[in-house]
Protein backbone atom coordinates (compact mmCIF):
# COMPACT_ATOMS: atom_id res chain seq x y z
CA UNK A 1 -103.41 -63.77 16.20
CA UNK A 2 -103.15 -61.72 19.50
CA UNK A 3 -101.17 -58.57 19.56
CA UNK A 4 -98.77 -59.85 22.30
CA UNK A 5 -98.09 -62.93 20.18
CA UNK A 6 -97.01 -60.59 17.38
CA UNK A 7 -94.94 -58.74 19.89
CA UNK A 8 -93.52 -62.12 21.26
CA UNK A 9 -92.60 -63.14 17.72
CA UNK A 10 -90.90 -59.73 17.03
CA UNK A 11 -88.86 -59.89 20.25
CA UNK A 12 -87.62 -63.42 19.72
CA UNK A 13 -86.71 -62.49 16.19
CA UNK A 14 -84.75 -59.46 16.87
CA UNK A 15 -82.93 -60.67 20.05
CA UNK A 16 -82.12 -63.95 18.21
CA UNK A 17 -80.62 -61.76 15.56
CA UNK A 18 -78.51 -59.46 18.10
CA UNK A 19 -77.49 -62.56 20.21
CA UNK A 20 -76.41 -64.39 17.09
CA UNK A 21 -74.64 -61.46 15.86
CA UNK A 22 -72.40 -61.14 19.01
CA UNK A 23 -71.86 -64.95 18.91
CA UNK A 24 -70.66 -64.80 15.38
CA UNK A 25 -68.51 -61.84 16.19
CA UNK A 26 -66.97 -63.21 19.24
CA UNK A 27 -66.69 -67.01 18.21
CA UNK A 28 -66.23 -67.29 14.57
CA UNK A 29 -64.77 -63.94 13.67
CA UNK A 30 -62.74 -63.38 16.73
CA UNK A 31 -63.65 -59.59 16.94
CA UNK A 32 -63.22 -58.61 20.57
CA UNK A 33 -64.36 -61.92 21.68
CA UNK A 34 -64.39 -61.14 25.57
CA UNK A 35 -66.46 -58.09 25.13
CA UNK A 36 -68.77 -59.83 22.69
CA UNK A 37 -69.46 -62.63 25.30
CA UNK A 38 -70.52 -59.91 27.78
CA UNK A 39 -72.82 -58.19 25.25
CA UNK A 40 -74.30 -61.55 24.08
CA UNK A 41 -75.42 -62.25 27.50
CA UNK A 42 -76.91 -58.83 28.01
CA UNK A 43 -78.72 -59.21 24.59
CA UNK A 44 -79.94 -62.62 25.73
CA UNK A 45 -81.13 -61.35 29.27
CA UNK A 46 -83.01 -58.45 27.86
CA UNK A 47 -84.59 -60.74 25.33
CA UNK A 48 -85.78 -63.26 27.84
CA UNK A 49 -87.02 -60.58 30.19
CA UNK A 50 -89.26 -59.01 27.39
CA UNK A 51 -90.63 -62.36 26.64
CA UNK A 52 -91.53 -63.04 30.21
CA UNK A 53 -93.76 -59.78 30.11
CA UNK A 54 -95.49 -61.11 26.99
CA UNK A 55 -96.15 -64.66 27.68
CA UNK A 56 -99.40 -65.20 29.26
CA UNK A 57 -100.08 -67.58 32.19
CA UNK A 58 -96.41 -68.27 32.86
CA UNK A 59 -96.61 -67.59 36.73
CA UNK A 60 -97.94 -64.70 38.85
CA UNK A 61 -97.59 -61.39 37.06
CA UNK A 62 -95.41 -59.65 39.99
CA UNK A 63 -92.82 -62.64 39.55
CA UNK A 64 -92.78 -62.34 35.86
CA UNK A 65 -92.38 -58.59 35.89
CA UNK A 66 -89.70 -58.25 38.66
CA UNK A 67 -87.84 -61.30 36.76
CA UNK A 68 -87.85 -59.36 33.75
CA UNK A 69 -86.73 -56.15 35.53
CA UNK A 70 -83.82 -57.95 37.21
CA UNK A 71 -82.88 -59.33 33.82
CA UNK A 72 -82.96 -55.79 32.52
CA UNK A 73 -80.67 -54.55 35.20
CA UNK A 74 -78.39 -57.49 34.87
CA UNK A 75 -78.26 -56.73 31.15
CA UNK A 76 -77.08 -53.04 31.61
CA UNK A 77 -74.30 -54.43 34.14
CA UNK A 78 -73.02 -56.98 31.53
CA UNK A 79 -73.35 -54.39 28.80
CA UNK A 80 -70.94 -52.20 30.81
CA UNK A 81 -68.74 -54.99 31.67
CA UNK A 82 -68.43 -55.68 27.92
CA UNK A 83 -67.59 -51.90 27.35
CA UNK A 84 -64.89 -51.86 30.16
CA UNK A 85 -63.33 -55.01 28.37
CA UNK A 86 -63.47 -53.59 24.97
CA UNK A 87 -62.00 -50.04 25.96
CA UNK A 88 -59.42 -51.70 28.67
CA UNK A 89 -61.08 -49.83 31.44
CA UNK A 90 -60.75 -50.52 35.25
CA UNK A 91 -63.14 -53.05 36.10
CA UNK A 92 -64.89 -54.11 39.52
CA UNK A 93 -66.37 -57.41 38.60
CA UNK A 94 -66.89 -58.60 42.40
CA UNK A 95 -68.57 -55.42 43.16
CA UNK A 96 -70.93 -55.66 40.01
CA UNK A 97 -71.64 -59.40 40.59
CA UNK A 98 -72.60 -58.63 44.46
CA UNK A 99 -75.04 -55.97 43.05
CA UNK A 100 -76.56 -58.16 40.47
CA UNK A 101 -76.94 -60.75 43.03
CA UNK A 102 -78.42 -58.71 45.63
CA UNK A 103 -80.86 -57.14 43.21
CA UNK A 104 -82.09 -60.51 42.06
CA UNK A 105 -82.53 -61.95 45.79
CA UNK A 106 -84.30 -58.73 46.88
CA UNK A 107 -86.72 -58.83 43.98
CA UNK A 108 -87.51 -62.43 44.23
CA UNK A 109 -87.45 -63.16 48.04
CA UNK A 110 -88.78 -59.79 49.14
CA UNK A 111 -90.82 -57.97 46.69
CA UNK A 112 -92.53 -60.94 45.22
CA UNK A 113 -93.84 -62.51 48.53
CA UNK A 114 -94.83 -58.83 49.61
CA UNK A 115 -96.34 -57.83 46.50
CA UNK A 116 -94.05 -54.78 46.02
CA UNK A 117 -94.05 -54.74 42.41
CA UNK A 118 -93.61 -51.04 41.92
CA UNK A 119 -90.90 -50.85 44.35
CA UNK A 120 -89.01 -53.67 42.69
CA UNK A 121 -89.44 -52.28 39.24
CA UNK A 122 -88.33 -48.70 40.51
CA UNK A 123 -85.05 -50.31 42.12
CA UNK A 124 -84.26 -52.30 39.22
CA UNK A 125 -84.78 -49.24 36.70
CA UNK A 126 -82.75 -47.27 39.21
CA UNK A 127 -79.73 -49.82 38.69
CA UNK A 128 -80.12 -49.76 34.97
CA UNK A 129 -80.00 -45.89 34.85
CA UNK A 130 -77.13 -45.62 37.19
CA UNK A 131 -74.96 -48.36 35.28
CA UNK A 132 -75.86 -46.71 31.94
CA UNK A 133 -74.87 -43.27 33.21
CA UNK A 134 -71.49 -44.59 34.52
CA UNK A 135 -71.16 -46.29 31.10
CA UNK A 136 -71.56 -42.71 29.34
CA UNK A 137 -69.06 -41.05 31.89
CA UNK A 138 -66.41 -43.57 31.55
CA UNK A 139 -66.51 -44.46 27.93
CA UNK A 140 -66.76 -40.87 26.36
CA UNK A 141 -63.16 -40.00 26.48
CA UNK A 142 -61.70 -43.36 25.43
CA UNK A 143 -64.07 -43.43 22.67
CA UNK A 144 -63.21 -39.85 21.50
CA UNK A 145 -59.55 -40.81 21.69
CA UNK A 146 -59.64 -44.02 19.57
CA UNK A 147 -62.33 -43.08 17.14
CA UNK A 148 -63.60 -39.53 17.24
CA UNK A 149 -66.13 -37.48 19.12
CA UNK A 150 -68.92 -38.32 16.96
CA UNK A 151 -68.98 -41.82 17.72
CA UNK A 152 -68.59 -41.02 21.42
CA UNK A 153 -71.52 -38.85 21.29
CA UNK A 154 -73.51 -41.70 19.38
CA UNK A 155 -72.64 -44.11 22.13
CA UNK A 156 -73.42 -41.53 24.84
CA UNK A 157 -77.01 -40.73 23.20
CA UNK A 158 -78.01 -44.53 22.99
CA UNK A 159 -76.77 -45.23 26.48
CA UNK A 160 -78.30 -41.96 27.74
CA UNK A 161 -81.58 -42.93 26.24
CA UNK A 162 -81.57 -46.23 27.89
CA UNK A 163 -80.96 -44.54 31.15
CA UNK A 164 -83.79 -41.99 30.61
CA UNK A 165 -86.06 -44.60 29.67
CA UNK A 166 -85.58 -46.53 32.80
CA UNK A 167 -85.82 -43.29 34.93
CA UNK A 168 -89.13 -42.61 33.55
CA UNK A 169 -90.37 -46.20 33.91
CA UNK A 170 -89.26 -46.29 37.51
CA UNK A 171 -90.81 -42.89 38.35
CA UNK A 172 -94.08 -44.00 36.84
CA UNK A 173 -94.18 -47.09 38.80
CA UNK A 174 -93.70 -45.13 42.11
CA UNK A 175 -96.15 -42.34 41.17
CA UNK A 176 -99.23 -44.12 39.73
CA UNK A 177 -101.49 -41.35 40.58
CA UNK A 178 -99.85 -38.98 38.06
CA UNK A 179 -101.40 -39.05 34.48
CA UNK A 180 -98.79 -41.00 32.68
CA UNK A 181 -100.46 -41.62 29.42
CA UNK A 182 -99.16 -45.37 29.00
CA UNK A 183 -100.66 -46.15 32.38
CA UNK A 184 -103.95 -44.92 31.51
CA UNK A 185 -104.00 -46.90 28.20
CA UNK A 186 -105.22 -50.44 27.45
CA UNK A 187 -102.86 -53.27 28.36
CA UNK A 188 -102.13 -54.16 24.87
CA UNK A 189 -101.13 -50.70 24.06
CA UNK A 190 -98.78 -50.61 27.01
CA UNK A 191 -97.16 -53.81 26.07
CA UNK A 192 -96.80 -52.51 22.70
CA UNK A 193 -95.08 -49.15 23.78
CA UNK A 194 -92.87 -51.32 26.23
CA UNK A 195 -91.75 -53.79 23.62
CA UNK A 196 -91.31 -50.97 20.88
CA UNK A 197 -89.01 -48.73 23.01
CA UNK A 198 -87.02 -51.82 24.44
CA UNK A 199 -86.38 -53.50 21.32
CA UNK A 200 -85.58 -50.20 19.55
CA UNK A 201 -83.10 -49.10 22.04
CA UNK A 202 -81.59 -52.58 22.03
CA UNK A 203 -81.02 -52.63 18.43
CA UNK A 204 -79.68 -49.16 18.23
CA UNK A 205 -77.33 -49.80 21.21
CA UNK A 206 -76.29 -53.15 19.52
CA UNK A 207 -75.67 -51.04 16.16
CA UNK A 208 -73.45 -48.73 17.94
CA UNK A 209 -71.38 -51.42 19.74
CA UNK A 210 -71.13 -53.29 16.55
CA UNK A 211 -69.90 -50.09 14.73
CA UNK A 212 -67.17 -49.43 17.16
CA UNK A 213 -66.08 -53.03 16.91
CA UNK A 214 -65.91 -52.95 13.26
CA UNK A 215 -64.07 -49.49 13.14
CA UNK A 216 -61.59 -50.90 15.55
CA UNK A 217 -60.85 -53.94 13.03
CA UNK A 218 -60.77 -51.30 10.24
CA UNK A 219 -58.17 -49.32 12.15
CA UNK A 220 -56.10 -52.43 12.79
CA UNK A 221 -56.12 -53.34 9.10
CA UNK A 222 -55.25 -49.91 8.00
CA UNK A 223 -52.34 -49.85 10.48
CA UNK A 224 -51.22 -53.11 9.20
CA UNK A 225 -51.34 -51.97 5.70
CA UNK A 226 -48.98 -48.83 6.74
CA UNK A 227 -46.63 -50.40 9.16
CA UNK A 228 -43.73 -52.95 9.10
CA UNK A 229 -44.79 -56.02 11.08
CA UNK A 230 -41.45 -56.48 12.66
CA UNK A 231 -40.28 -53.08 13.59
CA UNK A 232 -43.68 -51.30 14.01
CA UNK A 233 -42.33 -48.36 11.78
CA UNK A 234 -44.00 -47.19 8.75
CA UNK A 235 -43.54 -49.22 5.72
CA UNK A 236 -42.22 -48.22 2.36
CA UNK A 237 -45.68 -47.59 0.89
CA UNK A 238 -46.73 -45.31 3.83
CA UNK A 239 -43.38 -43.35 3.55
CA UNK A 240 -43.79 -43.03 -0.05
CA UNK A 241 -47.34 -41.54 0.02
CA UNK A 242 -45.74 -38.99 2.65
CA UNK A 243 -42.96 -38.26 0.39
CA UNK A 244 -45.51 -37.41 -2.35
CA UNK A 245 -47.48 -35.01 0.17
CA UNK A 246 -44.20 -33.30 0.96
CA UNK A 247 -43.19 -33.00 -2.73
CA UNK A 248 -46.73 -31.48 -3.41
CA UNK A 249 -46.33 -28.91 -0.37
CA UNK A 250 -42.83 -27.98 -1.91
CA UNK A 251 -44.45 -27.38 -5.10
CA UNK A 252 -47.35 -25.35 -3.80
CA UNK A 253 -45.68 -23.44 -0.83
CA UNK A 254 -41.75 -23.86 -1.30
CA UNK A 255 -41.38 -25.71 1.78
CA UNK A 256 -38.29 -27.72 1.51
CA UNK A 257 -37.65 -31.17 3.12
CA UNK A 258 -35.03 -33.71 3.55
CA UNK A 259 -34.60 -37.45 3.00
CA UNK A 260 -32.18 -39.64 4.98
CA UNK A 261 -31.68 -43.32 3.48
CA UNK A 262 -30.11 -45.55 6.17
CA UNK A 263 -28.45 -49.00 5.90
CA UNK A 264 -27.02 -51.12 8.63
CA UNK A 265 -23.49 -51.76 8.22
CA UNK A 266 -22.55 -55.45 7.64
CA UNK A 267 -25.91 -56.63 8.54
CA UNK A 268 -25.32 -60.01 6.64
CA UNK A 269 -22.40 -60.96 8.92
CA UNK A 270 -24.95 -60.65 12.05
CA UNK A 271 -27.39 -62.98 10.30
CA UNK A 272 -24.48 -65.36 9.38
CA UNK A 273 -22.76 -65.43 12.59
CA UNK A 274 -25.71 -65.48 15.03
CA UNK A 275 -28.87 -66.41 13.05
CA UNK A 276 -31.85 -64.49 11.54
CA UNK A 277 -33.43 -64.19 15.11
CA UNK A 278 -30.42 -61.94 16.01
CA UNK A 279 -30.81 -60.04 12.99
CA UNK A 280 -34.32 -59.38 13.75
CA UNK A 281 -33.35 -58.13 17.10
CA UNK A 282 -30.82 -55.74 15.63
CA UNK A 283 -33.49 -54.26 13.30
CA UNK A 284 -35.86 -54.01 15.99
CA UNK A 285 -33.46 -52.01 18.37
CA UNK A 286 -32.20 -49.92 15.42
CA UNK A 287 -35.55 -48.92 14.65
CA UNK A 288 -36.42 -48.17 18.36
CA UNK A 289 -33.34 -45.92 18.72
CA UNK A 290 -34.16 -44.04 15.28
CA UNK A 291 -37.74 -43.59 16.47
CA UNK A 292 -36.73 -42.10 19.85
CA UNK A 293 -34.03 -39.75 18.39
CA UNK A 294 -36.24 -38.52 15.71
CA UNK A 295 -38.43 -35.38 16.24
CA UNK A 296 -42.05 -35.58 16.57
CA UNK A 297 -42.55 -34.18 13.02
CA UNK A 298 -40.26 -36.60 11.34
CA UNK A 299 -41.21 -39.88 10.00
CA UNK A 300 -39.24 -43.01 10.28
CA UNK A 301 -39.87 -46.06 7.94
CA UNK A 302 -38.47 -49.36 7.33
CA UNK A 303 -37.59 -49.00 3.70
CA UNK A 304 -36.80 -52.66 2.84
CA UNK A 305 -34.46 -55.44 4.28
CA UNK A 306 -31.98 -53.43 6.62
CA UNK A 307 -32.57 -50.19 5.01
CA UNK A 308 -34.65 -47.41 6.73
CA UNK A 309 -35.84 -44.02 5.52
CA UNK A 310 -36.50 -40.99 7.60
CA UNK A 311 -38.58 -38.06 6.27
CA UNK A 312 -37.78 -34.70 7.77
CA UNK A 313 -40.26 -32.07 6.88
CA UNK A 314 -39.51 -28.43 6.84
CA UNK A 315 -35.81 -29.02 7.24
CA UNK A 316 -32.88 -27.87 4.80
CA UNK A 317 -29.60 -29.36 4.56
CA UNK A 318 -27.64 -27.89 7.73
CA UNK A 319 -30.61 -28.97 9.92
CA UNK A 320 -30.96 -32.27 8.24
CA UNK A 321 -27.16 -32.92 8.64
CA UNK A 322 -27.32 -32.47 12.38
CA UNK A 323 -30.44 -34.58 12.68
CA UNK A 324 -28.68 -37.32 10.69
CA UNK A 325 -25.46 -37.26 12.87
CA UNK A 326 -27.60 -37.34 16.08
CA UNK A 327 -29.38 -40.50 14.60
CA UNK A 328 -26.08 -42.10 13.64
CA UNK A 329 -24.52 -41.64 17.18
CA UNK A 330 -27.67 -43.02 18.86
CA UNK A 331 -27.26 -46.28 17.05
CA UNK A 332 -23.53 -46.63 17.27
CA UNK A 333 -23.14 -45.30 20.86
CA UNK A 334 -23.58 -48.76 22.35
CA UNK A 335 -23.76 -52.47 21.26
CA UNK A 336 -26.93 -54.64 20.86
CA UNK A 337 -26.99 -57.48 23.27
CA UNK A 338 -28.13 -60.90 21.99
CA UNK A 339 -27.74 -63.71 24.46
CA UNK A 340 -24.34 -63.67 25.72
CA UNK A 341 -23.12 -62.02 22.66
CA UNK A 342 -22.80 -58.29 22.15
CA UNK A 343 -23.33 -56.95 18.52
CA UNK A 344 -21.63 -53.44 17.68
CA UNK A 345 -23.81 -51.81 15.17
CA UNK A 346 -23.03 -48.78 12.84
CA UNK A 347 -25.18 -47.09 10.04
CA UNK A 348 -24.36 -45.47 6.90
CA UNK A 349 -26.60 -42.56 5.75
CA UNK A 350 -27.30 -40.85 2.41
CA UNK A 351 -28.77 -37.18 2.90
CA UNK A 352 -30.69 -35.23 0.22
CA UNK A 353 -32.44 -31.96 0.46
CA UNK A 354 -35.46 -31.13 -1.71
CA UNK A 355 -35.66 -27.40 -2.46
CA UNK A 356 -36.37 -27.39 -6.30
CA UNK A 357 -40.09 -28.21 -6.98
CA UNK A 358 -39.10 -29.09 -10.70
CA UNK A 359 -37.30 -32.13 -9.29
CA UNK A 360 -39.04 -35.39 -9.22
CA UNK A 361 -39.16 -37.75 -6.13
CA UNK A 362 -37.36 -40.54 -8.39
CA UNK A 363 -34.50 -38.01 -8.85
CA UNK A 364 -34.33 -37.42 -5.24
CA UNK A 365 -34.29 -40.84 -3.95
CA UNK A 366 -31.80 -41.82 -6.64
CA UNK A 367 -29.48 -38.98 -5.42
CA UNK A 368 -29.84 -39.93 -1.96
CA UNK A 369 -29.27 -43.81 -2.87
CA UNK A 370 -26.10 -42.61 -4.72
CA UNK A 371 -24.95 -40.74 -1.34
CA UNK A 372 -25.68 -44.05 0.64
CA UNK A 373 -23.48 -46.09 -1.53
CA UNK A 374 -20.74 -43.24 -1.14
CA UNK A 375 -20.97 -43.57 2.43
CA UNK A 376 -20.49 -47.28 2.47
CA UNK A 377 -17.72 -47.26 0.02
CA UNK A 378 -15.96 -44.58 2.08
CA UNK A 379 -15.62 -46.63 5.02
CA UNK A 380 -19.12 -46.70 6.54
CA UNK A 381 -20.53 -45.37 9.78
CA UNK A 382 -20.98 -41.89 8.22
CA UNK A 383 -23.26 -39.39 6.57
CA UNK A 384 -22.71 -38.24 3.09
CA UNK A 385 -24.67 -35.50 1.46
CA UNK A 386 -25.87 -36.23 -2.02
CA UNK A 387 -24.55 -34.18 -4.90
CA UNK A 388 -26.59 -31.49 -6.23
CA UNK A 389 -29.09 -32.16 -8.94
CA UNK A 390 -26.87 -30.40 -11.63
CA UNK A 391 -23.71 -32.45 -10.49
CA UNK A 392 -25.84 -35.73 -10.48
CA UNK A 393 -26.97 -34.95 -13.99
CA UNK A 394 -23.25 -34.28 -15.14
CA UNK A 395 -22.17 -37.56 -13.49
CA UNK A 396 -25.03 -39.67 -15.28
CA UNK A 397 -24.03 -37.99 -18.67
CA UNK A 398 -20.37 -39.10 -18.01
CA UNK A 399 -21.18 -42.55 -17.01
CA UNK A 400 -23.38 -42.90 -20.20
């Protein structure tokens, strides 16, 4: 079997795999489906282009080479469009479409009849290099923000390597008198180098793109596992982990923190009178007001049902009491609108300050919960500070 036949089989195998990967990701798994469609077309175009350079006797050489180069340029443009869709960047689809069609028409209708193979290759590679350079420039910051700088640098290196290989290919075509090693070698050697470099860059680029797609999915799953689906606040699991971290910080560095347990007053009446959709809207609006009024360092969570929890790091009793009153006023200062009805909403709070490293989280939460019940029994729409640990222990003994 000839070397070119082995290379052709290699190209067909690798690009079938990468194209199939994007088809599966976009169609079956629903992972960034619009971006996956662009990347599927890019992989398919690059594969067809490489195959054209390896199939013997499939038309004039200049036609095959320039068609392959045009497909490579189109592949770079489609890859960039997929990246723009994935990162929600501004797109200029019309301009990129015009560029693609102009390049194809120029290569097929001008360069082929005039036998301008070198010029067609150089222009096509210039489009590839420019497109990939722009991809590096516009994607680095968004990738750094959503993932990390390591991921952004990996993508930049891959796109930069594609741009560099395109520049070298274009320059070597325009300067054949220079002693370029691959131009001086045998045809089969040139085909092997071209195929190996192209397929390697294609696989690595697909790997980087696949990695960021999977990492976005992992990030979304992690977010769903730690956030409430209705309000978008942290859920009970997440805030309990944060409480445990603050308890460890108190034990190691003696840094106090405070906890607010919050309950919406007469929430059942809203559900009974206006329905559960109105109740959901009340929960969403109360959550929004709490989040807006909380400090940047505070953590607001939906603790369950109509109950919320606010963790106040580095905050002692006086500061926590002021923060609690501010949150209470932000909720009750104006009613919530539901259709033609207005729903007056108030909240009751139980406040506890953690300043004893020996006290367990369970004890803290019990004291906060007891204070919350005192607020509700005392008339609602108020903040009640929890009894001290010693007083709470005395009450427990008396009740027993």
